[in-house]
């Protein structure tokens, strides 16, 4: 029950206080593509942004498969890995297996979304990006996906708790500017119609995923 994430009109929602959805018949067997950022991995002790992204992806995959949606995966970074959207328990096994193989391969190469076959990233798919939003190549790819008309939601694996605020005034100033840059980036994505749910220190994964669920559960129907 409730509105699917892909029914949200993110562009209209960005201009309003609440979320709005397009009026349409409910879709069945939606294509959902988990788009994992493997360009960068910020670590501190036992926490890793890539590990967090993999864990969140596995949870999302399970839930969408339970809804009988087709779920696929793209690991987008130095090494490209992908899995075509599919259904059922066997697809869940393949997704988990591919996620466990996901890692960061250092590279200076810029990747283009054109490298991904259409069968892997269907034109009407809901794309859920899992990313710390720190690598400009990945951010540019998100903007390109929106420009191509994809329904896009970002689960931000918040890296702020993994970055020191600085030991002197100059470093602390750089840290504050970095935080401001991140706010500007979020605002820019939201203006493009991208929904963002933040997950970081002190926030349970379930709480972040609840933000995603509320997009469809409590959205108001509006015509734009």
N, C-alpha and C. Protein backbone atom coordinates (compact mmCIF):
# COMPACT_ATOMS: atom_id res chain seq x y z
N UNK A 1 0.83 -1.20 0.00
CA UNK A 1 0.00 0.00 0.00
C UNK A 1 0.86 1.25 0.00
N UNK A 2 0.27 2.35 -0.45
CA UNK A 2 1.00 3.62 -0.46
C UNK A 2 1.61 3.89 -1.80
N UNK A 3 2.10 5.12 -1.96
CA UNK A 3 2.68 5.52 -3.23
C UNK A 3 4.09 4.99 -3.35
N UNK A 4 4.43 4.51 -4.53
CA UNK A 4 5.78 4.06 -4.77
C UNK A 4 6.72 5.26 -4.87
N UNK A 5 8.00 5.01 -4.52
CA UNK A 5 8.99 6.08 -4.59
C UNK A 5 9.04 6.72 -5.96
N UNK A 6 8.92 5.90 -7.01
CA UNK A 6 9.08 6.43 -8.36
C UNK A 6 7.91 7.29 -8.79
N UNK A 7 6.81 7.30 -8.01
CA UNK A 7 5.68 8.16 -8.34
C UNK A 7 5.86 9.58 -7.82
N UNK A 8 6.87 9.80 -6.99
CA UNK A 8 7.11 11.13 -6.45
C UNK A 8 7.56 12.07 -7.57
N UNK A 9 6.99 13.26 -7.59
CA UNK A 9 7.46 14.30 -8.50
C UNK A 9 8.50 15.11 -7.73
N UNK A 10 9.77 14.68 -7.84
CA UNK A 10 10.82 15.29 -7.02
C UNK A 10 11.06 16.75 -7.41
N UNK A 11 10.95 17.07 -8.69
CA UNK A 11 11.17 18.45 -9.12
C UNK A 11 10.14 19.37 -8.49
N UNK A 12 8.87 18.93 -8.49
CA UNK A 12 7.83 19.75 -7.87
C UNK A 12 7.99 19.79 -6.36
N UNK A 13 8.39 18.66 -5.77
CA UNK A 13 8.56 18.61 -4.32
C UNK A 13 9.64 19.56 -3.85
N UNK A 14 10.69 19.72 -4.67
CA UNK A 14 11.79 20.60 -4.29
C UNK A 14 11.34 22.05 -4.20
N UNK A 15 10.22 22.39 -4.86
CA UNK A 15 9.72 23.76 -4.84
C UNK A 15 8.66 23.96 -3.77
N UNK A 16 8.33 22.88 -3.05
CA UNK A 16 7.25 22.97 -2.07
C UNK A 16 7.71 22.47 -0.71
N UNK A 17 6.88 22.74 0.30
CA UNK A 17 7.22 22.30 1.65
C UNK A 17 7.11 20.79 1.78
N UNK A 18 6.07 20.20 1.15
CA UNK A 18 5.85 18.76 1.24
C UNK A 18 6.12 18.08 -0.08
N UNK A 19 6.06 16.76 -0.04
CA UNK A 19 6.26 15.97 -1.24
C UNK A 19 4.98 15.87 -2.04
N UNK A 20 5.13 15.80 -3.35
CA UNK A 20 3.97 15.63 -4.21
C UNK A 20 4.23 14.45 -5.14
N UNK A 21 3.15 13.82 -5.55
CA UNK A 21 3.29 12.69 -6.46
C UNK A 21 2.45 12.92 -7.69
N UNK A 22 2.84 12.27 -8.77
CA UNK A 22 2.05 12.33 -9.98
C UNK A 22 0.86 11.39 -9.84
N UNK A 23 -0.27 11.80 -10.39
CA UNK A 23 -1.46 10.97 -10.34
C UNK A 23 -1.35 9.94 -11.44
N UNK A 24 -1.31 8.69 -11.08
CA UNK A 24 -1.15 7.62 -12.06
C UNK A 24 -1.66 6.32 -11.46
N UNK A 25 -1.86 5.32 -12.32
CA UNK A 25 -2.21 4.01 -11.81
C UNK A 25 -0.98 3.38 -11.18
N UNK A 26 -1.15 2.63 -10.09
CA UNK A 26 0.01 2.04 -9.44
C UNK A 26 0.75 1.07 -10.36
N UNK A 27 2.08 1.14 -10.33
CA UNK A 27 2.89 0.24 -11.14
C UNK A 27 3.10 -1.08 -10.40
N UNK A 28 3.32 -2.12 -11.18
CA UNK A 28 3.68 -3.39 -10.59
C UNK A 28 4.99 -3.84 -11.20
N UNK A 29 5.73 -4.64 -10.43
CA UNK A 29 7.01 -5.13 -10.91
C UNK A 29 7.89 -4.00 -11.43
N UNK A 30 8.06 -2.99 -10.60
CA UNK A 30 8.93 -1.88 -10.95
C UNK A 30 10.39 -2.34 -11.02
N UNK A 31 11.15 -1.75 -11.93
CA UNK A 31 12.60 -1.97 -11.95
C UNK A 31 13.26 -1.02 -10.96
N UNK A 32 13.99 -1.58 -10.00
CA UNK A 32 14.72 -0.80 -9.01
C UNK A 32 16.20 -1.12 -9.17
N UNK A 33 17.02 -0.09 -9.34
CA UNK A 33 18.46 -0.29 -9.51
C UNK A 33 19.19 0.38 -8.36
N UNK A 34 19.93 -0.41 -7.59
CA UNK A 34 20.76 0.10 -6.50
C UNK A 34 22.09 0.55 -7.12
N UNK A 35 22.40 1.82 -6.97
CA UNK A 35 23.54 2.44 -7.66
C UNK A 35 24.59 2.80 -6.61
N UNK A 36 25.53 1.89 -6.38
CA UNK A 36 26.47 2.01 -5.27
C UNK A 36 27.73 2.75 -5.70
N UNK A 37 28.10 3.76 -4.93
CA UNK A 37 29.30 4.57 -5.19
C UNK A 37 30.52 3.80 -4.68
N UNK A 38 31.37 3.35 -5.62
CA UNK A 38 32.61 2.67 -5.23
C UNK A 38 33.85 3.44 -5.67
N UNK A 39 33.68 4.76 -5.86
CA UNK A 39 34.84 5.61 -6.14
C UNK A 39 35.65 5.88 -4.88
N UNK A 40 34.98 5.99 -3.73
CA UNK A 40 35.67 6.38 -2.50
C UNK A 40 35.14 5.59 -1.32
N UNK A 41 36.01 5.41 -0.33
CA UNK A 41 35.62 4.73 0.91
C UNK A 41 36.31 5.45 2.07
N UNK A 42 35.52 6.16 2.87
CA UNK A 42 36.06 6.84 4.04
C UNK A 42 35.96 5.91 5.23
N UNK A 43 37.07 5.77 5.97
CA UNK A 43 37.12 4.82 7.09
C UNK A 43 37.60 5.50 8.36
N UNK A 44 37.12 4.96 9.49
CA UNK A 44 37.58 5.41 10.80
C UNK A 44 37.25 4.31 11.79
N UNK A 45 38.29 3.61 12.25
CA UNK A 45 38.04 2.51 13.16
C UNK A 45 37.27 1.39 12.47
N UNK A 46 36.12 1.05 13.04
CA UNK A 46 35.34 -0.05 12.50
C UNK A 46 34.32 0.39 11.46
N UNK A 47 34.23 1.69 11.21
CA UNK A 47 33.21 2.18 10.28
C UNK A 47 33.80 2.49 8.91
N UNK A 48 33.06 2.17 7.88
CA UNK A 48 33.46 2.42 6.50
C UNK A 48 32.24 2.84 5.72
N UNK A 49 32.35 3.91 4.93
CA UNK A 49 31.19 4.36 4.16
C UNK A 49 30.79 3.32 3.11
N UNK A 50 31.77 2.61 2.54
CA UNK A 50 31.43 1.59 1.55
C UNK A 50 30.74 0.40 2.21
N UNK A 51 31.24 -0.02 3.37
CA UNK A 51 30.57 -1.11 4.09
C UNK A 51 29.13 -0.72 4.44
N UNK A 52 28.95 0.52 4.86
CA UNK A 52 27.60 0.99 5.18
C UNK A 52 26.70 0.96 3.94
N UNK A 53 27.27 1.37 2.79
CA UNK A 53 26.49 1.37 1.55
C UNK A 53 26.10 -0.05 1.15
N UNK A 54 27.02 -0.99 1.32
CA UNK A 54 26.73 -2.39 1.00
C UNK A 54 25.63 -2.93 1.91
N UNK A 55 25.73 -2.61 3.20
CA UNK A 55 24.72 -3.09 4.15
C UNK A 55 23.34 -2.52 3.84
N UNK A 56 23.29 -1.21 3.56
CA UNK A 56 22.01 -0.59 3.23
C UNK A 56 21.45 -1.15 1.92
N UNK A 57 22.32 -1.41 0.96
CA UNK A 57 21.89 -1.97 -0.32
C UNK A 57 21.27 -3.34 -0.14
N UNK A 58 21.89 -4.17 0.70
CA UNK A 58 21.35 -5.51 0.94
C UNK A 58 19.97 -5.43 1.57
N UNK A 59 19.79 -4.50 2.50
CA UNK A 59 18.48 -4.34 3.14
C UNK A 59 17.43 -3.86 2.14
N UNK A 60 17.79 -2.87 1.34
CA UNK A 60 16.85 -2.36 0.34
C UNK A 60 16.51 -3.43 -0.69
N UNK A 61 17.51 -4.19 -1.12
CA UNK A 61 17.26 -5.26 -2.10
C UNK A 61 16.24 -6.25 -1.57
N UNK A 62 16.42 -6.66 -0.32
CA UNK A 62 15.50 -7.62 0.28
C UNK A 62 14.08 -7.07 0.31
N UNK A 63 13.93 -5.83 0.69
CA UNK A 63 12.58 -5.25 0.83
C UNK A 63 11.89 -5.08 -0.51
N UNK A 64 12.63 -4.63 -1.51
CA UNK A 64 11.99 -4.45 -2.82
C UNK A 64 11.67 -5.79 -3.47
N UNK A 65 12.52 -6.79 -3.27
CA UNK A 65 12.21 -8.12 -3.79
C UNK A 65 10.97 -8.70 -3.12
N UNK A 66 10.81 -8.42 -1.84
CA UNK A 66 9.60 -8.87 -1.14
C UNK A 66 8.35 -8.21 -1.70
N UNK A 67 8.49 -7.02 -2.29
CA UNK A 67 7.37 -6.34 -2.93
C UNK A 67 7.15 -6.84 -4.36
N UNK A 68 7.96 -7.81 -4.76
CA UNK A 68 7.89 -8.39 -6.11
C UNK A 68 8.33 -7.40 -7.18
N UNK A 69 9.22 -6.51 -6.81
CA UNK A 69 9.85 -5.64 -7.79
C UNK A 69 11.09 -6.34 -8.34
N UNK A 70 11.49 -5.94 -9.53
CA UNK A 70 12.75 -6.42 -10.10
C UNK A 70 13.87 -5.53 -9.57
N UNK A 71 14.89 -6.12 -9.00
CA UNK A 71 15.98 -5.36 -8.39
C UNK A 71 17.29 -5.68 -9.10
N UNK A 72 18.01 -4.62 -9.48
CA UNK A 72 19.32 -4.77 -10.09
C UNK A 72 20.36 -3.97 -9.32
N UNK A 73 21.59 -4.05 -9.75
CA UNK A 73 22.69 -3.41 -9.02
C UNK A 73 23.74 -2.88 -9.99
N UNK A 74 24.23 -1.69 -9.69
CA UNK A 74 25.40 -1.14 -10.39
C UNK A 74 26.38 -0.67 -9.33
N UNK A 75 27.60 -1.21 -9.36
CA UNK A 75 28.69 -0.69 -8.54
C UNK A 75 29.50 0.22 -9.45
N UNK A 76 29.45 1.53 -9.17
CA UNK A 76 29.98 2.53 -10.09
C UNK A 76 31.20 3.18 -9.49
N UNK A 77 32.37 2.86 -10.06
CA UNK A 77 33.61 3.42 -9.55
C UNK A 77 34.77 3.04 -10.44
N UNK A 78 35.94 2.78 -9.83
CA UNK A 78 37.11 2.40 -10.60
C UNK A 78 36.88 1.13 -11.39
N UNK A 79 36.14 0.20 -10.81
CA UNK A 79 35.71 -1.02 -11.49
C UNK A 79 34.20 -1.01 -11.56
N UNK A 80 33.66 -1.26 -12.74
CA UNK A 80 32.21 -1.31 -12.91
C UNK A 80 31.73 -2.74 -12.74
N UNK A 81 30.75 -2.92 -11.88
CA UNK A 81 30.07 -4.21 -11.74
C UNK A 81 28.58 -3.95 -11.85
N UNK A 82 27.88 -4.89 -12.46
CA UNK A 82 26.44 -4.70 -12.54
C UNK A 82 25.72 -6.03 -12.59
N UNK A 83 24.46 -5.97 -12.26
CA UNK A 83 23.59 -7.13 -12.26
C UNK A 83 22.23 -6.69 -12.78
N UNK A 84 21.75 -7.38 -13.79
CA UNK A 84 20.49 -7.02 -14.43
C UNK A 84 19.33 -7.18 -13.45
N UNK A 85 18.34 -6.28 -13.47
CA UNK A 85 17.18 -6.41 -12.57
C UNK A 85 16.49 -7.76 -12.73
N UNK A 86 16.16 -8.35 -11.59
CA UNK A 86 15.50 -9.65 -11.60
C UNK A 86 14.66 -9.83 -10.35
N UNK A 87 13.96 -10.96 -10.28
CA UNK A 87 13.01 -11.24 -9.21
C UNK A 87 13.44 -12.46 -8.40
N UNK A 88 12.91 -12.56 -7.19
CA UNK A 88 12.96 -13.80 -6.44
C UNK A 88 14.19 -14.03 -5.58
N UNK A 89 14.16 -15.15 -4.82
CA UNK A 89 15.26 -15.49 -3.91
C UNK A 89 16.60 -15.66 -4.61
N UNK A 90 16.60 -16.23 -5.81
CA UNK A 90 17.87 -16.42 -6.51
C UNK A 90 18.50 -15.08 -6.88
N UNK A 91 17.66 -14.08 -7.20
CA UNK A 91 18.19 -12.75 -7.49
C UNK A 91 18.79 -12.12 -6.24
N UNK A 92 18.14 -12.35 -5.09
CA UNK A 92 18.69 -11.82 -3.84
C UNK A 92 20.07 -12.41 -3.58
N UNK A 93 20.23 -13.70 -3.82
CA UNK A 93 21.53 -14.34 -3.63
C UNK A 93 22.58 -13.72 -4.54
N UNK A 94 22.22 -13.49 -5.82
CA UNK A 94 23.16 -12.88 -6.76
C UNK A 94 23.52 -11.46 -6.35
N UNK A 95 22.51 -10.71 -5.86
CA UNK A 95 22.77 -9.34 -5.42
C UNK A 95 23.74 -9.31 -4.24
N UNK A 96 23.50 -10.16 -3.25
CA UNK A 96 24.37 -10.19 -2.07
C UNK A 96 25.79 -10.59 -2.48
N UNK A 97 25.89 -11.57 -3.35
CA UNK A 97 27.20 -12.02 -3.81
C UNK A 97 27.96 -10.90 -4.51
N UNK A 98 27.26 -10.16 -5.38
CA UNK A 98 27.90 -9.05 -6.09
C UNK A 98 28.27 -7.92 -5.13
N UNK A 99 27.40 -7.64 -4.16
CA UNK A 99 27.70 -6.59 -3.18
C UNK A 99 28.95 -6.92 -2.38
N UNK A 100 29.10 -8.19 -2.01
CA UNK A 100 30.26 -8.59 -1.22
C UNK A 100 31.56 -8.45 -2.00
N UNK A 101 31.47 -8.44 -3.32
CA UNK A 101 32.66 -8.27 -4.16
C UNK A 101 32.99 -6.80 -4.42
N UNK A 102 32.11 -5.91 -3.97
CA UNK A 102 32.30 -4.49 -4.24
C UNK A 102 33.47 -3.93 -3.44
N UNK A 103 34.35 -3.23 -4.11
CA UNK A 103 35.48 -2.59 -3.45
C UNK A 103 35.92 -1.37 -4.23
N UNK A 104 36.82 -0.61 -3.64
CA UNK A 104 37.33 0.61 -4.27
C UNK A 104 38.62 0.28 -5.02
N UNK A 105 38.66 0.63 -6.30
CA UNK A 105 39.88 0.50 -7.10
C UNK A 105 40.32 1.91 -7.47
N UNK A 106 41.40 2.42 -6.88
CA UNK A 106 41.83 3.80 -7.14
C UNK A 106 42.01 4.07 -8.63
N UNK A 107 41.45 5.16 -9.10
CA UNK A 107 41.55 5.53 -10.51
C UNK A 107 41.28 7.02 -10.66
N UNK A 108 41.87 7.61 -11.69
CA UNK A 108 41.60 9.00 -12.02
C UNK A 108 40.65 9.11 -13.21
N UNK A 109 40.18 7.96 -13.69
CA UNK A 109 39.33 7.94 -14.88
C UNK A 109 37.93 8.44 -14.53
N UNK A 110 37.39 9.26 -15.42
CA UNK A 110 35.99 9.69 -15.30
C UNK A 110 35.11 8.66 -15.99
N UNK A 111 34.10 8.18 -15.31
CA UNK A 111 33.18 7.21 -15.88
C UNK A 111 31.96 7.93 -16.43
N UNK A 112 31.40 7.37 -17.49
CA UNK A 112 30.18 7.92 -18.06
C UNK A 112 29.07 6.90 -17.95
N UNK A 113 27.87 7.36 -17.67
CA UNK A 113 26.74 6.46 -17.51
C UNK A 113 26.44 5.71 -18.81
N UNK A 114 26.94 6.21 -19.94
CA UNK A 114 26.74 5.52 -21.22
C UNK A 114 27.40 4.15 -21.23
N UNK A 115 28.34 3.91 -20.33
CA UNK A 115 29.00 2.61 -20.26
C UNK A 115 28.07 1.51 -19.77
N UNK A 116 26.97 1.90 -19.15
CA UNK A 116 26.05 0.93 -18.57
C UNK A 116 24.98 0.57 -19.60
N UNK A 117 24.83 -0.71 -19.96
CA UNK A 117 23.83 -1.10 -20.95
C UNK A 117 22.41 -0.78 -20.49
N UNK A 118 21.54 -0.51 -21.44
CA UNK A 118 20.15 -0.16 -21.13
C UNK A 118 19.44 -1.30 -20.41
N UNK A 119 19.82 -2.54 -20.67
CA UNK A 119 19.16 -3.66 -20.00
C UNK A 119 19.50 -3.69 -18.51
N UNK A 120 20.63 -3.09 -18.14
CA UNK A 120 21.04 -3.02 -16.73
C UNK A 120 20.39 -1.82 -16.05
N UNK A 121 20.23 -0.74 -16.78
CA UNK A 121 19.66 0.49 -16.25
C UNK A 121 18.47 0.88 -17.14
N UNK A 122 17.33 0.19 -16.97
CA UNK A 122 16.17 0.46 -17.83
C UNK A 122 15.72 1.91 -17.72
N UNK A 123 15.24 2.50 -18.82
CA UNK A 123 14.89 3.93 -18.85
C UNK A 123 13.89 4.36 -17.78
N UNK A 124 12.97 3.48 -17.38
CA UNK A 124 11.95 3.86 -16.41
C UNK A 124 12.25 3.33 -15.00
N UNK A 125 13.48 2.93 -14.78
CA UNK A 125 13.84 2.37 -13.48
C UNK A 125 13.88 3.44 -12.39
N UNK A 126 13.57 3.02 -11.17
CA UNK A 126 13.85 3.84 -9.99
C UNK A 126 15.29 3.57 -9.60
N UNK A 127 16.12 4.60 -9.56
CA UNK A 127 17.53 4.45 -9.21
C UNK A 127 17.73 4.95 -7.79
N UNK A 128 18.24 4.08 -6.93
CA UNK A 128 18.54 4.46 -5.54
C UNK A 128 20.06 4.49 -5.40
N UNK A 129 20.61 5.69 -5.26
CA UNK A 129 22.06 5.87 -5.16
C UNK A 129 22.47 5.82 -3.70
N UNK A 130 23.51 5.04 -3.40
CA UNK A 130 24.05 4.95 -2.05
C UNK A 130 25.48 5.47 -2.10
N UNK A 131 25.71 6.62 -1.45
CA UNK A 131 26.95 7.35 -1.66
C UNK A 131 27.26 8.31 -0.51
N UNK A 132 28.55 8.53 -0.21
CA UNK A 132 28.91 9.58 0.76
C UNK A 132 28.95 10.97 0.13
N UNK A 133 28.73 11.05 -1.18
CA UNK A 133 28.74 12.34 -1.89
C UNK A 133 30.06 13.09 -1.69
N UNK A 134 31.16 12.40 -1.94
CA UNK A 134 32.47 13.05 -1.80
C UNK A 134 33.26 13.07 -3.10
N UNK A 135 32.95 12.19 -4.04
CA UNK A 135 33.71 12.14 -5.29
C UNK A 135 32.96 12.88 -6.38
N UNK A 136 33.56 13.91 -6.98
CA UNK A 136 32.84 14.71 -7.99
C UNK A 136 32.43 13.90 -9.21
N UNK A 137 33.14 12.81 -9.51
CA UNK A 137 32.76 11.98 -10.66
C UNK A 137 31.42 11.31 -10.43
N UNK A 138 31.21 10.85 -9.22
CA UNK A 138 29.93 10.20 -8.91
C UNK A 138 28.81 11.23 -8.87
N UNK A 139 29.08 12.39 -8.28
CA UNK A 139 28.07 13.45 -8.22
C UNK A 139 27.65 13.88 -9.62
N UNK A 140 28.63 14.02 -10.52
CA UNK A 140 28.31 14.36 -11.91
C UNK A 140 27.44 13.30 -12.55
N UNK A 141 27.71 12.04 -12.22
CA UNK A 141 26.89 10.95 -12.76
C UNK A 141 25.45 11.04 -12.27
N UNK A 142 25.26 11.41 -11.01
CA UNK A 142 23.90 11.59 -10.49
C UNK A 142 23.17 12.68 -11.28
N UNK A 143 23.86 13.77 -11.54
CA UNK A 143 23.25 14.86 -12.30
C UNK A 143 22.91 14.40 -13.72
N UNK A 144 23.78 13.58 -14.31
CA UNK A 144 23.51 13.06 -15.65
C UNK A 144 22.31 12.12 -15.66
N UNK A 145 22.17 11.32 -14.61
CA UNK A 145 21.02 10.42 -14.53
C UNK A 145 19.71 11.22 -14.47
N UNK A 146 19.71 12.30 -13.68
CA UNK A 146 18.50 13.13 -13.61
C UNK A 146 18.24 13.81 -14.94
N UNK A 147 19.30 14.27 -15.61
CA UNK A 147 19.14 14.93 -16.90
C UNK A 147 18.54 13.98 -17.94
N UNK A 148 18.77 12.68 -17.75
CA UNK A 148 18.23 11.68 -18.67
C UNK A 148 16.83 11.23 -18.26
N UNK A 149 16.29 11.82 -17.20
CA UNK A 149 14.92 11.55 -16.81
C UNK A 149 14.71 10.42 -15.84
N UNK A 150 15.78 9.88 -15.26
CA UNK A 150 15.61 8.79 -14.30
C UNK A 150 15.01 9.31 -12.99
N UNK A 151 14.13 8.51 -12.40
CA UNK A 151 13.68 8.76 -11.03
C UNK A 151 14.84 8.40 -10.11
N UNK A 152 15.29 9.35 -9.31
CA UNK A 152 16.52 9.18 -8.55
C UNK A 152 16.33 9.57 -7.10
N UNK A 153 16.75 8.67 -6.21
CA UNK A 153 16.76 8.93 -4.77
C UNK A 153 18.17 8.65 -4.26
N UNK A 154 18.67 9.50 -3.40
CA UNK A 154 20.00 9.33 -2.82
C UNK A 154 19.87 8.96 -1.34
N UNK A 155 20.49 7.83 -0.96
CA UNK A 155 20.70 7.53 0.46
C UNK A 155 22.13 7.97 0.75
N UNK A 156 22.26 9.11 1.41
CA UNK A 156 23.58 9.68 1.68
C UNK A 156 24.22 8.98 2.86
N UNK A 157 25.32 8.27 2.60
CA UNK A 157 26.09 7.64 3.67
C UNK A 157 26.96 8.74 4.27
N UNK A 158 26.45 9.39 5.30
CA UNK A 158 27.04 10.63 5.80
C UNK A 158 28.47 10.40 6.32
N UNK A 159 29.46 11.06 5.71
CA UNK A 159 30.86 10.85 6.11
C UNK A 159 31.35 11.85 7.16
N UNK A 160 30.49 12.77 7.58
CA UNK A 160 30.95 13.87 8.43
C UNK A 160 31.61 13.36 9.71
N UNK A 161 31.07 12.31 10.31
CA UNK A 161 31.64 11.78 11.54
C UNK A 161 32.99 11.11 11.35
N UNK A 162 33.38 10.89 10.10
CA UNK A 162 34.67 10.25 9.81
C UNK A 162 35.77 11.25 9.50
N UNK A 163 35.43 12.52 9.48
CA UNK A 163 36.39 13.57 9.11
C UNK A 163 36.65 14.46 10.32
N UNK A 164 37.93 14.65 10.66
CA UNK A 164 38.29 15.50 11.80
C UNK A 164 37.99 16.96 11.50
N UNK A 165 37.54 17.67 12.53
CA UNK A 165 37.20 19.09 12.34
C UNK A 165 38.43 19.96 12.18
N UNK A 166 39.62 19.44 12.51
CA UNK A 166 40.85 20.21 12.35
C UNK A 166 41.53 20.49 13.68
N UNK A 167 42.85 20.60 13.64
CA UNK A 167 43.63 20.83 14.85
C UNK A 167 44.02 22.28 15.04
N UNK A 168 43.86 23.08 14.01
CA UNK A 168 44.17 24.51 14.13
C UNK A 168 43.07 25.29 13.42
N UNK A 169 43.16 26.60 13.54
CA UNK A 169 42.09 27.45 13.01
C UNK A 169 41.93 27.30 11.50
N UNK A 170 43.04 27.20 10.79
CA UNK A 170 42.97 27.06 9.33
C UNK A 170 42.28 25.76 8.94
N UNK A 171 42.62 24.68 9.62
CA UNK A 171 41.99 23.39 9.32
C UNK A 171 40.51 23.41 9.69
N UNK A 172 40.19 24.07 10.80
CA UNK A 172 38.78 24.15 11.20
C UNK A 172 37.98 24.99 10.21
N UNK A 173 38.61 26.03 9.67
CA UNK A 173 37.94 26.84 8.65
C UNK A 173 37.68 26.01 7.40
N UNK A 174 38.68 25.23 6.99
CA UNK A 174 38.52 24.36 5.82
C UNK A 174 37.40 23.35 6.05
N UNK A 175 37.32 22.85 7.27
CA UNK A 175 36.27 21.88 7.61
C UNK A 175 34.89 22.53 7.50
N UNK A 176 34.75 23.76 8.02
CA UNK A 176 33.45 24.44 7.95
C UNK A 176 33.07 24.73 6.50
N UNK A 177 34.05 25.10 5.69
CA UNK A 177 33.77 25.35 4.27
C UNK A 177 33.34 24.07 3.57
N UNK A 178 33.96 22.96 3.95
CA UNK A 178 33.57 21.66 3.39
C UNK A 178 32.12 21.32 3.73
N UNK A 179 31.74 21.59 4.98
CA UNK A 179 30.35 21.35 5.37
C UNK A 179 29.39 22.23 4.57
N UNK A 180 29.77 23.48 4.36
CA UNK A 180 28.93 24.38 3.56
C UNK A 180 28.82 23.89 2.12
N UNK A 181 29.93 23.41 1.58
CA UNK A 181 29.91 22.87 0.21
C UNK A 181 28.95 21.69 0.11
N UNK A 182 28.90 20.88 1.15
CA UNK A 182 27.99 19.73 1.14
C UNK A 182 26.54 20.17 1.17
N UNK A 183 26.25 21.22 1.93
CA UNK A 183 24.89 21.75 1.95
C UNK A 183 24.49 22.28 0.58
N UNK A 184 25.43 22.97 -0.06
CA UNK A 184 25.16 23.50 -1.41
C UNK A 184 24.90 22.35 -2.37
N UNK A 185 25.68 21.28 -2.26
CA UNK A 185 25.51 20.12 -3.14
C UNK A 185 24.14 19.49 -2.95
N UNK A 186 23.74 19.31 -1.69
CA UNK A 186 22.41 18.73 -1.44
C UNK A 186 21.32 19.61 -2.04
N UNK A 187 21.45 20.91 -1.83
CA UNK A 187 20.43 21.83 -2.37
C UNK A 187 20.37 21.75 -3.89
N UNK A 188 21.53 21.63 -4.51
CA UNK A 188 21.56 21.55 -5.97
C UNK A 188 20.87 20.28 -6.45
N UNK A 189 21.12 19.17 -5.79
CA UNK A 189 20.47 17.92 -6.17
C UNK A 189 18.97 17.97 -5.94
N UNK A 190 18.57 18.56 -4.82
CA UNK A 190 17.14 18.67 -4.53
C UNK A 190 16.43 19.54 -5.55
N UNK A 191 17.09 20.60 -6.01
CA UNK A 191 16.49 21.45 -7.04
C UNK A 191 16.31 20.69 -8.36
N UNK A 192 17.14 19.68 -8.57
CA UNK A 192 17.00 18.84 -9.76
C UNK A 192 15.88 17.82 -9.61
N UNK A 193 15.33 17.74 -8.39
CA UNK A 193 14.25 16.79 -8.15
C UNK A 193 14.71 15.48 -7.55
N UNK A 194 15.86 15.49 -6.87
CA UNK A 194 16.40 14.29 -6.25
C UNK A 194 16.02 14.27 -4.77
N UNK A 195 15.44 13.16 -4.33
CA UNK A 195 15.14 13.00 -2.90
C UNK A 195 16.37 12.50 -2.17
N UNK A 196 16.65 13.04 -0.98
CA UNK A 196 17.85 12.67 -0.23
C UNK A 196 17.47 12.23 1.18
N UNK A 197 17.94 11.04 1.57
CA UNK A 197 17.79 10.55 2.94
C UNK A 197 19.19 10.37 3.51
N UNK A 198 19.48 10.98 4.66
CA UNK A 198 20.83 10.94 5.24
C UNK A 198 20.93 9.85 6.30
N UNK A 199 22.07 9.13 6.25
CA UNK A 199 22.34 8.08 7.24
C UNK A 199 23.78 8.23 7.70
N UNK A 200 23.96 8.45 9.01
CA UNK A 200 25.30 8.62 9.54
C UNK A 200 25.36 8.27 11.00
N UNK A 201 26.39 8.77 11.68
CA UNK A 201 26.57 8.49 13.10
C UNK A 201 25.34 8.90 13.90
N UNK A 202 24.92 8.03 14.80
CA UNK A 202 23.78 8.34 15.66
C UNK A 202 22.44 8.13 15.00
N UNK A 203 22.43 7.70 13.74
CA UNK A 203 21.17 7.46 13.03
C UNK A 203 21.10 5.98 12.68
N UNK A 204 20.07 5.31 13.15
CA UNK A 204 19.90 3.90 12.82
C UNK A 204 19.57 3.75 11.34
N UNK A 205 20.03 2.66 10.75
CA UNK A 205 19.72 2.40 9.35
C UNK A 205 18.22 2.40 9.13
N UNK A 206 17.49 1.83 10.07
CA UNK A 206 16.04 1.77 9.93
C UNK A 206 15.43 3.16 9.83
N UNK A 207 16.00 4.12 10.57
CA UNK A 207 15.48 5.49 10.52
C UNK A 207 15.71 6.12 9.16
N UNK A 208 16.89 5.88 8.58
CA UNK A 208 17.17 6.42 7.25
C UNK A 208 16.26 5.80 6.21
N UNK A 209 16.04 4.49 6.31
CA UNK A 209 15.16 3.83 5.34
C UNK A 209 13.72 4.25 5.54
N UNK A 210 13.36 4.61 6.77
CA UNK A 210 12.00 5.11 7.01
C UNK A 210 11.77 6.40 6.24
N UNK A 211 12.82 7.24 6.13
CA UNK A 211 12.69 8.46 5.32
C UNK A 211 12.33 8.10 3.89
N UNK A 212 12.98 7.06 3.37
CA UNK A 212 12.68 6.63 2.01
C UNK A 212 11.24 6.14 1.91
N UNK A 213 10.81 5.36 2.89
CA UNK A 213 9.44 4.82 2.84
C UNK A 213 8.40 5.92 2.95
N UNK A 214 8.66 6.95 3.75
CA UNK A 214 7.66 8.00 3.91
C UNK A 214 7.44 8.79 2.63
N UNK A 215 8.40 8.77 1.72
CA UNK A 215 8.22 9.46 0.44
C UNK A 215 6.98 8.95 -0.27
N UNK A 216 6.74 7.64 -0.14
CA UNK A 216 5.57 7.11 -0.85
C UNK A 216 4.37 6.95 0.08
N UNK A 217 4.63 6.83 1.40
CA UNK A 217 3.53 6.54 2.31
C UNK A 217 2.69 7.77 2.62
N UNK A 218 3.33 8.93 2.76
CA UNK A 218 2.62 10.14 3.19
C UNK A 218 2.61 11.25 2.14
N UNK A 219 2.98 10.92 0.92
CA UNK A 219 2.99 11.94 -0.13
C UNK A 219 1.58 12.40 -0.47
N UNK A 220 1.46 13.68 -0.78
CA UNK A 220 0.18 14.23 -1.21
C UNK A 220 0.09 14.20 -2.72
N UNK A 221 -1.09 13.88 -3.20
CA UNK A 221 -1.30 13.85 -4.64
C UNK A 221 -1.52 15.27 -5.13
N UNK A 222 -0.78 15.65 -6.17
CA UNK A 222 -0.94 16.99 -6.73
C UNK A 222 -0.67 16.95 -8.22
N UNK A 223 -1.26 17.85 -8.92
CA UNK A 223 -1.00 17.99 -10.35
C UNK A 223 -0.12 19.22 -10.54
N UNK A 224 0.95 19.02 -11.30
CA UNK A 224 1.89 20.12 -11.53
C UNK A 224 1.98 20.38 -13.03
